[in-house]
Amino acid sequence: MPTNIGKGNSAKFVVQFLDSSGVTTIPSGGTVNITYVDGLTTGSTDLSLTQQDSFFTATWQTSVASYGSAPWYVTSLGSTVIVASGEIRIIDAT
């Protein structure tokens, strides 16, 4: 189910990496990839995750995208394995 966010607001990602046993693991870094529509074209951005204790965070400004869907996924640095994914729906917040 998508998360609705009003255009012009920011989306904050908070990620905790777990190993196959469910134990917290700390990779050397991570990335959030977001794909979005900007007018008639599709854009994509990679956000570097910043470590804060055992969590990693990143923030994305929705103002760069048009209204609609913006799927995202998270990978750890040096890996192509998707560890989390979802969808933001950019809506009119008025």
Protein backbone atom coordinates (compact mmCIF):
# COMPACT_ATOMS: atom_id res chain seq x y z
CA MET A 1 0.00 0.00 0.00
CA PRO A 2 1.46 3.39 -0.99
CA THR A 3 2.22 6.13 1.51
CA ASN A 4 0.56 9.44 0.56
CA ILE A 5 2.73 12.56 0.81
CA GLY A 6 1.68 16.05 -0.21
CA LYS A 7 3.69 17.59 -3.04
CA GLY A 8 6.34 19.92 -1.66
CA ASN A 9 6.84 17.90 1.52
CA SER A 10 9.70 15.54 2.27
CA ALA A 11 9.81 11.79 2.74
CA LYS A 12 12.11 10.49 5.46
CA PHE A 13 13.43 6.96 5.14
CA VAL A 14 14.56 5.10 8.26
CA VAL A 15 16.12 1.69 7.65
CA GLN A 16 17.51 -0.99 9.93
CA PHE A 17 19.45 -3.75 8.20
CA LEU A 18 18.94 -7.30 9.47
CA ASP A 19 20.77 -10.52 8.61
CA SER A 20 18.94 -13.74 7.70
CA SER A 21 18.50 -14.53 11.42
CA GLY A 22 16.84 -11.17 12.09
CA VAL A 23 19.87 -9.78 13.94
CA THR A 24 20.77 -6.13 13.33
CA THR A 25 23.77 -5.75 11.06
CA ILE A 26 25.64 -2.56 10.18
CA PRO A 27 26.76 -2.37 6.54
CA SER A 28 29.30 0.21 5.41
CA GLY A 29 26.44 2.20 3.88
CA GLY A 30 23.22 2.00 1.95
CA THR A 31 21.19 3.61 -0.79
CA VAL A 32 17.54 4.47 -1.38
CA ASN A 33 16.61 4.51 -5.08
CA ILE A 34 13.45 6.43 -6.02
CA THR A 35 11.86 6.49 -9.48
CA TYR A 36 9.37 9.28 -10.19
CA VAL A 37 7.64 11.18 -12.99
CA ASP A 38 8.70 14.75 -13.73
CA GLY A 39 6.39 16.21 -16.34
CA LEU A 40 6.60 13.92 -19.37
CA THR A 41 9.82 12.19 -18.34
CA THR A 42 10.80 9.64 -15.72
CA GLY A 43 13.47 10.56 -13.21
CA SER A 44 15.44 8.45 -10.78
CA THR A 45 17.62 9.36 -7.85
CA ASP A 46 19.88 7.54 -5.43
CA LEU A 47 19.99 8.84 -1.86
CA SER A 48 22.89 7.87 0.38
CA LEU A 49 21.76 6.61 3.76
CA THR A 50 23.42 8.18 6.81
CA GLN A 51 24.07 5.99 9.84
CA GLN A 52 22.51 7.02 13.16
CA ASP A 53 23.27 4.34 15.76
CA SER A 54 21.87 1.06 14.34
CA PHE A 55 19.57 2.86 11.88
CA PHE A 56 20.20 4.58 8.55
CA THR A 57 18.26 7.62 7.32
CA ALA A 58 17.75 9.68 4.17
CA THR A 59 15.32 12.42 3.14
CA TRP A 60 13.79 13.09 -0.29
CA GLN A 61 12.03 16.29 -1.35
CA THR A 62 8.83 15.51 -3.31
CA SER A 63 8.89 18.91 -5.04
CA VAL A 64 11.09 17.46 -7.83
CA ALA A 65 8.32 15.09 -8.93
CA SER A 66 4.90 15.40 -10.52
CA TYR A 67 1.80 14.04 -8.82
CA GLY A 68 1.61 10.25 -8.89
CA SER A 69 3.53 7.16 -7.93
CA ALA A 70 7.19 7.05 -6.86
CA PRO A 71 8.37 3.49 -6.16
CA TRP A 72 11.49 3.11 -4.02
CA TYR A 73 13.87 0.41 -2.82
CA VAL A 74 16.83 0.10 -0.44
CA THR A 75 20.11 -1.76 -0.93
CA SER A 76 23.21 -1.96 1.23
CA LEU A 77 26.45 -0.58 -0.20
CA GLY A 78 28.05 -2.95 -2.70
CA SER A 79 24.98 -5.18 -3.00
CA THR A 80 22.15 -5.43 -5.51
CA VAL A 81 19.88 -7.30 -3.08
CA ILE A 82 16.78 -5.22 -2.28
CA VAL A 83 16.28 -5.19 1.50
CA ALA A 84 13.20 -2.96 1.60
CA SER A 85 10.82 -1.46 -0.96
CA GLY A 86 7.63 0.51 -1.19
CA GLU A 87 5.77 3.25 -2.96
CA ILE A 88 5.15 6.92 -2.28
CA ARG A 89 2.09 8.54 -3.82
CA ILE A 90 2.59 12.28 -4.31
CA ILE A 91 -0.75 14.01 -3.87
CA ASP A 92 -2.22 17.50 -3.75
CA ALA A 93 -1.98 18.48 -0.08
CA THR A 94 -4.49 21.33 -0.25
